[in-house]
Amino acid sequence: MWWLFVSVGLAAAGLVVLAVFAARVFTAVRELAAQVAASTDALTAAGDRLQRAAAPVAERAGEISRR
């Protein structure tokens, strides 16, 4: 009968270990999602700045090609 208690105890301990790892993975995924969101915002801002900076250059290039 003691083997039944041991096996149930080991199964419970295994589930606790799996729960701890699941919590760690969940935390890491949340941090990764936050970093991806921040990177997306930074890339969007950089793209907007590049587009604003390229507009005058494109206008000048059009003037040069007409001459």
C-alpha atoms as a PDB file:
ATOM      1  CA  MET A   1       0.000   0.000   0.000  1.00  0.00           C
ATOM      2  CA  TRP A   2       2.904   2.355   0.651  1.00  0.00           C
ATOM      3  CA  TRP A   3       3.843   2.274  -3.065  1.00  0.00           C
ATOM      4  CA  LEU A   4       0.453   3.828  -3.872  1.00  0.00           C
ATOM      5  CA  PHE A   5       1.185   6.813  -1.631  1.00  0.00           C
ATOM      6  CA  VAL A   6       4.673   7.156  -3.093  1.00  0.00           C
ATOM      7  CA  SER A   7       3.406   7.114  -6.666  1.00  0.00           C
ATOM      8  CA  VAL A   8       0.677   9.667  -5.936  1.00  0.00           C
ATOM      9  CA  GLY A   9       3.221  11.871  -4.157  1.00  0.00           C
ATOM     10  CA  LEU A  10       5.641  11.673  -7.059  1.00  0.00           C
ATOM     11  CA  ALA A  11       2.884  12.444  -9.545  1.00  0.00           C
ATOM     12  CA  ALA A  12       1.850  15.500  -7.505  1.00  0.00           C
ATOM     13  CA  ALA A  13       5.460  16.644  -7.283  1.00  0.00           C
ATOM     14  CA  GLY A  14       5.798  16.254 -11.053  1.00  0.00           C
ATOM     15  CA  LEU A  15       2.701  18.366 -11.613  1.00  0.00           C
ATOM     16  CA  VAL A  16       4.086  21.057  -9.318  1.00  0.00           C
ATOM     17  CA  VAL A  17       7.315  21.123 -11.312  1.00  0.00           C
ATOM     18  CA  LEU A  18       5.377  21.394 -14.575  1.00  0.00           C
ATOM     19  CA  ALA A  19       3.281  24.223 -13.133  1.00  0.00           C
ATOM     20  CA  VAL A  20       6.413  26.148 -12.129  1.00  0.00           C
ATOM     21  CA  PHE A  21       7.889  25.767 -15.611  1.00  0.00           C
ATOM     22  CA  ALA A  22       4.586  26.799 -17.205  1.00  0.00           C
ATOM     23  CA  ALA A  23       4.543  29.963 -15.088  1.00  0.00           C
ATOM     24  CA  ARG A  24       8.114  30.762 -16.116  1.00  0.00           C
ATOM     25  CA  VAL A  25       7.288  30.272 -19.798  1.00  0.00           C
ATOM     26  CA  PHE A  26       4.185  32.451 -19.446  1.00  0.00           C
ATOM     27  CA  THR A  27       6.271  35.233 -17.876  1.00  0.00           C
ATOM     28  CA  ALA A  28       8.921  34.986 -20.595  1.00  0.00           C
ATOM     29  CA  VAL A  29       6.275  35.148 -23.334  1.00  0.00           C
ATOM     30  CA  ARG A  30       4.741  38.265 -21.781  1.00  0.00           C
ATOM     31  CA  GLU A  31       8.172  39.937 -21.659  1.00  0.00           C
ATOM     32  CA  LEU A  32       8.858  38.961 -25.270  1.00  0.00           C
ATOM     33  CA  ALA A  33       5.500  40.351 -26.387  1.00  0.00           C
ATOM     34  CA  ALA A  34       6.268  43.649 -24.656  1.00  0.00           C
ATOM     35  CA  GLN A  35       9.666  43.835 -26.372  1.00  0.00           C
ATOM     36  CA  VAL A  36       8.105  43.079 -29.761  1.00  0.00           C
ATOM     37  CA  ALA A  37       5.516  45.816 -29.223  1.00  0.00           C
ATOM     38  CA  ALA A  38       8.234  48.325 -28.270  1.00  0.00           C
ATOM     39  CA  SER A  39      10.299  47.365 -31.311  1.00  0.00           C
ATOM     40  CA  THR A  40       7.288  47.739 -33.577  1.00  0.00           C
ATOM     41  CA  ASP A  41       6.623  51.221 -32.219  1.00  0.00           C
ATOM     42  CA  ALA A  42      10.278  52.186 -32.675  1.00  0.00           C
ATOM     43  CA  LEU A  43      10.329  50.890 -36.254  1.00  0.00           C
ATOM     44  CA  THR A  44       7.114  52.724 -37.089  1.00  0.00           C
ATOM     45  CA  ALA A  45       8.535  55.984 -35.733  1.00  0.00           C
ATOM     46  CA  ALA A  46      11.786  55.476 -37.626  1.00  0.00           C
ATOM     47  CA  GLY A  47       9.878  54.776 -40.842  1.00  0.00           C
ATOM     48  CA  ASP A  48       7.864  57.969 -40.410  1.00  0.00           C
ATOM     49  CA  ARG A  49      11.025  60.007 -39.820  1.00  0.00           C
ATOM     50  CA  LEU A  50      12.665  58.451 -42.878  1.00  0.00           C
ATOM     51  CA  GLN A  51       9.647  59.226 -45.016  1.00  0.00           C
ATOM     52  CA  ARG A  52       9.608  62.860 -43.867  1.00  0.00           C
ATOM     53  CA  ALA A  53      13.354  63.179 -44.489  1.00  0.00           C
ATOM     54  CA  ALA A  54      13.133  61.603 -47.944  1.00  0.00           C
ATOM     55  CA  ALA A  55      10.372  63.888 -49.243  1.00  0.00           C
ATOM     56  CA  PRO A  56      12.607  66.952 -49.862  1.00  0.00           C
ATOM     57  CA  VAL A  57      15.294  64.769 -51.423  1.00  0.00           C
ATOM     58  CA  ALA A  58      12.747  63.245 -53.797  1.00  0.00           C
ATOM     59  CA  GLU A  59      11.504  66.690 -54.796  1.00  0.00           C
ATOM     60  CA  ARG A  60      15.055  67.846 -55.546  1.00  0.00           C
ATOM     61  CA  ALA A  61      15.739  64.695 -57.535  1.00  0.00           C
ATOM     62  CA  GLY A  62      12.670  65.424 -59.637  1.00  0.00           C
ATOM     63  CA  GLU A  63      13.898  68.956 -60.322  1.00  0.00           C
ATOM     64  CA  ILE A  64      17.339  67.712 -61.348  1.00  0.00           C
ATOM     65  CA  SER A  65      15.951  65.156 -63.772  1.00  0.00           C
ATOM     66  CA  ARG A  66      13.786  67.808 -65.549  1.00  0.00           C
ATOM     67  CA  ARG A  67      16.794  69.964 -66.440  1.00  0.00           C
END
